[in-house]
Amino acid sequence: MAERTPWSLSGALRGVFAKKTIDADTWDDLEDSLITADFGPDITDGIVAELRAKVSRYNTTDPKDLHRMLREGIEERLSKLDSTLNLSARPAVVLVVGVNGVGKTTTIGKFAKFLRVYDRSVLIGAADTFRAAAVEQLATWAERAGADIVRPQAQGQDPASVAFQTVERAITTGTEIVIIDTAGRLQTKGGLMDELTKIRRVIEKQTPISEVLLVLDATTGQNGLAQAEAFIEHAGVTGLVLTKLDGSAKGGFVLAVQEKTGIPIKLVGQGEGINDLTGFTPHVFAQKLVG
């Protein structure tokens, strides 16, 4: 069995698959486990219906077969979208968006470290210029990750100008990857989206944007997704980053968010340490989730 994690379904499912045969209780318990794990009713119904059909088709009563079919079915669903990061351009510019409080700043630091492990040069642009504390926090993470940073020259500086200066420096110095932090103030949605549009426009005058990554807090589940809808609608999001996939986080949200948005998960954070952000691999995730 794969190594268990705090958000794994494997503990709850152990009882489901411990019986000698598949019976009516098996289906009820499986459905309850998936709902509890935040798969949501629609996806849960779909998974259970698919499994019932497979069990009937293969005429099996062995819970081990059902366990394997569940794992393979979740992996297949997770694999429908391409989780590969598009970072081949030079410089590859990554715009990081999301509401305040989801762990966006720390995620940028961890992402920078992730890239440095592969010996990529990284430059971070602190374009969330309205929160001085955010700039200082980002600078601390950049230092820990071994990445350079472009700070605002004054508090409240136009975020687009910081983004422009960051990309300009990357082009001049030959830096491989640029990560741009952005504001996440929800109370001014219209202005926030206008700001992001402006940032995109000034960057694209110099070079295309490779990725727009939306950071979501996995512990907030469907509420977090609802908060992020404005970004999904207006920011040209190309990939999702799920943070806090530990503790009380529910792994089913990983599948639910990808199916609801049609946007691939590209990175997952499973802890507080600087090395606790990894690329998303459907096979590995399904194995850990189901056991």
Protein backbone atom coordinates (compact mmCIF):
# COMPACT_ATOMS: atom_id res chain seq x y z
CA MET A 1 0.00 0.00 0.00
CA ALA A 2 1.22 3.51 -0.74
CA GLU A 3 2.36 5.72 2.11
CA ARG A 4 -0.64 7.22 3.90
CA THR A 5 -0.99 10.97 4.14
CA PRO A 6 -3.23 13.07 6.44
CA TRP A 7 -5.61 13.82 3.57
CA SER A 8 -5.69 10.25 2.27
CA LEU A 9 -8.97 8.43 1.80
CA SER A 10 -7.23 5.15 2.53
CA GLY A 11 -8.12 5.16 6.23
CA ALA A 12 -11.83 5.65 5.58
CA LEU A 13 -11.80 3.16 2.72
CA ARG A 14 -10.07 0.41 4.67
CA GLY A 15 -13.37 -0.65 6.20
CA VAL A 16 -15.15 -0.44 2.85
CA PHE A 17 -12.78 -2.92 1.23
CA ALA A 18 -12.14 -5.11 4.29
CA LYS A 19 -15.21 -7.27 3.71
CA LYS A 20 -15.06 -10.56 1.86
CA THR A 21 -17.57 -9.53 -0.77
CA ILE A 22 -19.15 -6.50 -2.41
CA ASP A 23 -22.65 -5.95 -1.01
CA ALA A 24 -25.20 -3.14 -0.64
CA ASP A 25 -23.37 -1.73 2.39
CA THR A 26 -20.19 -1.49 0.33
CA TRP A 27 -21.78 0.96 -2.07
CA ASP A 28 -23.37 3.04 0.72
CA ASP A 29 -20.08 3.22 2.64
CA LEU A 30 -18.11 4.09 -0.48
CA GLU A 31 -20.52 6.87 -1.35
CA ASP A 32 -20.36 8.27 2.19
CA SER A 33 -16.54 8.20 2.12
CA LEU A 34 -16.33 10.10 -1.17
CA ILE A 35 -18.83 12.74 -0.04
CA THR A 36 -16.95 13.20 3.25
CA ALA A 37 -13.71 13.63 1.29
CA ASP A 38 -15.23 16.60 -0.60
CA PHE A 39 -15.64 14.99 -4.01
CA GLY A 40 -19.07 16.60 -4.17
CA PRO A 41 -22.37 14.86 -4.95
CA ASP A 42 -22.15 15.01 -8.75
CA ILE A 43 -18.66 13.52 -9.02
CA THR A 44 -19.43 10.97 -6.30
CA ASP A 45 -22.55 9.82 -8.17
CA GLY A 46 -20.55 9.59 -11.40
CA ILE A 47 -17.73 7.57 -9.85
CA VAL A 48 -20.10 5.16 -8.09
CA ALA A 49 -22.15 4.66 -11.27
CA GLU A 50 -18.99 3.90 -13.27
CA LEU A 51 -17.82 1.43 -10.63
CA ARG A 52 -21.19 -0.32 -10.48
CA ALA A 53 -21.07 -0.75 -14.26
CA LYS A 54 -17.53 -2.16 -14.18
CA VAL A 55 -18.31 -4.55 -11.33
CA SER A 56 -21.30 -5.82 -13.29
CA ARG A 57 -19.37 -6.06 -16.56
CA TYR A 58 -16.51 -8.05 -15.03
CA ASN A 59 -18.86 -10.01 -12.79
CA THR A 60 -16.65 -9.59 -9.73
CA THR A 61 -17.58 -9.66 -6.05
CA ASP A 62 -14.02 -9.07 -4.77
CA PRO A 63 -13.58 -5.74 -2.90
CA LYS A 64 -9.91 -5.73 -4.00
CA ASP A 65 -11.07 -5.39 -7.60
CA LEU A 66 -13.33 -2.51 -6.59
CA HIS A 67 -10.45 -0.83 -4.78
CA ARG A 68 -8.24 -1.06 -7.87
CA MET A 69 -11.04 0.17 -10.14
CA LEU A 70 -11.60 3.19 -7.87
CA ARG A 71 -7.92 4.11 -7.95
CA GLU A 72 -7.70 3.70 -11.72
CA GLY A 73 -10.91 5.66 -12.26
CA ILE A 74 -9.72 8.62 -10.17
CA GLU A 75 -6.35 8.58 -11.94
CA GLU A 76 -8.08 8.55 -15.33
CA ARG A 77 -10.22 11.53 -14.38
CA LEU A 78 -7.24 13.47 -13.02
CA SER A 79 -5.24 12.73 -16.19
CA LYS A 80 -7.76 14.27 -18.60
CA LEU A 81 -5.97 17.64 -18.42
CA ASP A 82 -2.26 18.22 -19.02
CA SER A 83 -0.49 19.07 -15.74
CA THR A 84 2.83 19.96 -17.42
CA LEU A 85 4.20 23.42 -16.61
CA ASN A 86 4.89 25.46 -19.73
CA LEU A 87 8.27 27.00 -18.92
CA SER A 88 10.24 26.55 -22.13
CA ALA A 89 10.31 30.24 -23.18
CA ARG A 90 13.22 32.47 -22.13
CA PRO A 91 12.37 34.19 -20.03
CA ALA A 92 9.35 32.12 -19.03
CA VAL A 93 7.01 34.56 -17.27
CA VAL A 94 4.62 33.18 -14.65
CA LEU A 95 1.86 35.38 -13.27
CA VAL A 96 0.60 34.21 -9.86
CA VAL A 97 -2.96 35.22 -8.91
CA GLY A 98 -5.43 34.46 -6.12
CA VAL A 99 -7.34 36.02 -3.26
CA ASN A 100 -5.45 37.25 -0.21
CA GLY A 101 -5.02 34.61 2.47
CA VAL A 102 -4.62 31.51 0.30
CA GLY A 103 -0.85 31.34 0.77
CA LYS A 104 0.08 33.07 -2.48
CA THR A 105 3.26 34.71 -1.19
CA THR A 106 4.63 31.57 0.43
CA THR A 107 3.68 29.55 -2.65
CA ILE A 108 5.80 31.86 -4.80
CA GLY A 109 8.76 31.31 -2.48
CA LYS A 110 8.28 27.55 -2.60
CA PHE A 111 7.86 27.62 -6.39
CA ALA A 112 11.09 29.57 -6.72
CA LYS A 113 12.85 26.97 -4.58
CA PHE A 114 11.30 24.17 -6.67
CA LEU A 115 12.78 25.77 -9.79
CA ARG A 116 16.16 26.44 -8.17
CA VAL A 117 16.46 22.73 -7.33
CA TYR A 118 16.48 22.19 -11.10
CA ASP A 119 19.17 24.87 -11.39
CA ARG A 120 16.91 27.43 -13.08
CA SER A 121 17.68 31.10 -12.48
CA VAL A 122 14.64 32.87 -11.00
CA LEU A 123 13.63 36.50 -10.65
CA ILE A 124 10.57 37.45 -8.57
CA GLY A 125 8.57 40.63 -9.14
CA ALA A 126 6.78 42.03 -6.06
CA ALA A 127 3.84 43.57 -7.90
CA ASP A 128 1.45 43.41 -4.92
CA THR A 129 2.57 46.95 -4.15
CA PHE A 130 -0.21 48.00 -1.79
CA ARG A 131 0.86 45.74 1.07
CA ALA A 132 4.33 46.59 2.35
CA ALA A 133 4.25 43.50 4.57
CA ALA A 134 3.65 41.32 1.51
CA VAL A 135 6.72 42.74 -0.21
CA GLU A 136 8.90 42.10 2.85
CA GLN A 137 7.54 38.58 3.25
CA LEU A 138 8.14 37.85 -0.42
CA ALA A 139 11.71 39.17 -0.15
CA THR A 140 12.36 36.81 2.77
CA TRP A 141 11.07 33.83 0.80
CA ALA A 142 13.08 34.87 -2.26
CA GLU A 143 16.26 34.95 -0.18
CA ARG A 144 15.52 31.51 1.27
CA ALA A 145 14.87 30.14 -2.21
CA GLY A 146 18.02 31.60 -3.70
CA ALA A 147 16.08 33.86 -6.09
CA ASP A 148 16.50 37.55 -6.90
CA ILE A 149 13.65 40.02 -6.40
CA VAL A 150 12.50 43.33 -7.88
CA ARG A 151 10.78 45.44 -5.23
CA PRO A 152 8.55 48.48 -5.72
CA GLN A 153 10.58 51.68 -5.63
CA ALA A 154 7.85 53.20 -3.44
CA GLN A 155 4.81 51.83 -1.61
CA GLY A 156 1.79 52.00 -3.89
CA GLN A 157 3.88 52.04 -7.07
CA ASP A 158 1.89 51.02 -10.13
CA PRO A 159 1.97 47.18 -10.10
CA ALA A 160 2.27 47.04 -13.89
CA SER A 161 5.46 49.13 -13.76
CA VAL A 162 7.00 46.70 -11.26
CA ALA A 163 6.08 43.80 -13.54
CA PHE A 164 7.59 45.63 -16.51
CA GLN A 165 10.84 46.34 -14.64
CA THR A 166 11.07 42.71 -13.53
CA VAL A 167 10.73 41.30 -17.03
CA GLU A 168 13.07 43.98 -18.38
CA ARG A 169 15.75 42.96 -15.88
CA ALA A 170 15.25 39.27 -16.66
CA ILE A 171 15.76 39.91 -20.37
CA THR A 172 18.85 42.01 -19.70
CA THR A 173 20.44 39.50 -17.30
CA GLY A 174 19.38 36.34 -19.13
CA THR A 175 17.31 35.08 -16.21
CA GLU A 176 15.38 31.95 -17.16
CA ILE A 177 12.15 32.24 -15.19
CA VAL A 178 10.20 35.25 -13.89
CA ILE A 179 7.50 34.93 -11.21
CA ILE A 180 5.21 37.94 -10.76
CA ASP A 181 3.21 38.33 -7.54
CA THR A 182 -0.11 40.17 -7.85
CA ALA A 183 -2.71 41.66 -5.52
CA GLY A 184 -5.73 39.66 -4.39
CA ARG A 185 -8.13 42.22 -2.97
CA LEU A 186 -11.62 40.85 -3.52
CA GLN A 187 -13.52 43.93 -2.41
CA THR A 188 -12.51 45.72 -5.62
CA LYS A 189 -13.04 42.93 -8.15
CA GLY A 190 -13.51 45.22 -11.14
CA GLY A 191 -10.44 47.29 -10.39
CA LEU A 192 -8.43 44.19 -9.55
CA MET A 193 -9.19 42.57 -12.88
CA ASP A 194 -8.39 45.83 -14.70
CA GLU A 195 -5.07 45.87 -12.86
CA LEU A 196 -4.29 42.30 -13.90
CA THR A 197 -5.20 43.13 -17.50
CA LYS A 198 -2.78 46.06 -17.40
CA ILE A 199 -0.02 43.89 -15.94
CA ARG A 200 -0.53 41.34 -18.69
CA ARG A 201 -0.48 44.04 -21.35
CA VAL A 202 2.81 45.62 -20.26
CA ILE A 203 4.51 42.23 -19.89
CA GLU A 204 3.34 41.05 -23.30
CA LYS A 205 4.89 44.12 -24.91
CA GLN A 206 8.21 42.49 -24.00
CA THR A 207 7.53 38.74 -24.05
CA PRO A 208 4.60 36.30 -23.96
CA ILE A 209 3.28 35.09 -20.60
CA SER A 210 3.94 31.37 -20.18
CA GLU A 211 1.62 30.57 -17.28
CA VAL A 212 -1.05 32.24 -15.16
CA LEU A 213 -1.26 30.17 -11.98
CA LEU A 214 -4.24 30.52 -9.64
CA VAL A 215 -3.49 29.64 -6.01
CA LEU A 216 -6.35 27.94 -4.13
CA ASP A 217 -6.50 26.96 -0.46
CA ALA A 218 -7.61 23.32 -0.49
CA THR A 219 -8.97 23.54 3.06
CA THR A 220 -11.66 26.02 1.99
CA GLY A 221 -13.05 23.63 -0.61
CA GLN A 222 -15.99 24.87 -2.64
CA ASN A 223 -15.97 28.27 -0.90
CA GLY A 224 -12.44 28.91 -2.09
CA LEU A 225 -13.42 28.01 -5.60
CA ALA A 226 -16.34 30.45 -5.49
CA GLN A 227 -14.01 33.22 -4.30
CA ALA A 228 -11.66 32.56 -7.18
CA GLU A 229 -14.26 32.60 -9.94
CA ALA A 230 -13.44 36.18 -10.94
CA PHE A 231 -9.83 35.19 -11.58
CA ILE A 232 -10.90 32.15 -13.59
CA GLU A 233 -13.26 34.28 -15.66
CA HIS A 234 -10.99 37.27 -16.29
CA ALA A 235 -7.34 36.46 -15.62
CA GLY A 236 -6.65 33.87 -18.33
CA VAL A 237 -5.71 31.20 -15.79
CA THR A 238 -3.71 28.32 -17.30
CA GLY A 239 -3.07 26.22 -14.19
CA LEU A 240 -4.07 25.69 -10.56
CA VAL A 241 -1.87 25.50 -7.47
CA LEU A 242 -3.47 23.82 -4.46
CA THR A 243 -2.02 24.80 -1.09
CA LYS A 244 -2.55 23.30 2.38
CA LEU A 245 -3.21 19.77 1.17
CA ASP A 246 -2.42 18.55 4.66
CA GLY A 247 -4.10 18.52 8.04
CA SER A 248 -7.84 18.88 7.55
CA ALA A 249 -7.73 19.27 3.78
CA LYS A 250 -9.99 16.93 1.84
CA GLY A 251 -8.38 15.26 -1.13
CA GLY A 252 -11.56 14.95 -3.18
CA PHE A 253 -11.50 18.69 -3.78
CA VAL A 254 -8.49 18.12 -6.03
CA LEU A 255 -10.61 16.21 -8.52
CA ALA A 256 -13.67 18.41 -8.03
CA VAL A 257 -11.85 21.66 -8.73
CA GLN A 258 -10.22 20.37 -11.90
CA GLU A 259 -13.48 18.99 -13.28
CA LYS A 260 -15.47 22.12 -12.38
CA THR A 261 -13.01 24.61 -13.84
CA GLY A 262 -11.57 22.65 -16.76
CA ILE A 263 -8.16 23.99 -15.67
CA PRO A 264 -5.34 21.54 -14.86
CA ILE A 265 -3.70 21.32 -11.45
CA LYS A 266 0.00 21.95 -11.96
CA LEU A 267 1.45 22.25 -8.45
CA VAL A 268 0.45 21.04 -4.99
CA GLY A 269 1.64 22.17 -1.56
CA GLN A 270 1.46 19.61 1.23
CA GLY A 271 3.23 21.33 4.11
CA GLU A 272 4.77 24.51 5.50
CA GLY A 273 8.41 23.91 4.52
CA ILE A 274 10.10 25.56 1.55
CA ASN A 275 10.49 22.17 -0.16
CA ASP A 276 6.83 21.21 0.28
CA LEU A 277 5.62 22.24 -3.17
CA THR A 278 5.76 19.66 -5.94
CA GLY A 279 4.57 19.12 -9.46
CA PHE A 280 1.21 17.39 -9.78
CA THR A 281 1.30 13.77 -10.97
CA PRO A 282 -2.16 12.14 -11.33
CA HIS A 283 -0.85 8.58 -10.87
CA VAL A 284 1.00 9.40 -7.65
CA PHE A 285 -1.84 11.49 -6.30
CA ALA A 286 -4.49 8.84 -6.95
CA GLN A 287 -2.26 6.21 -5.33
CA LYS A 288 -1.80 8.32 -2.19
CA LEU A 289 -5.43 9.37 -2.07
CA VAL A 290 -7.00 5.93 -2.35
CA GLY A 291 -4.18 3.76 -1.00
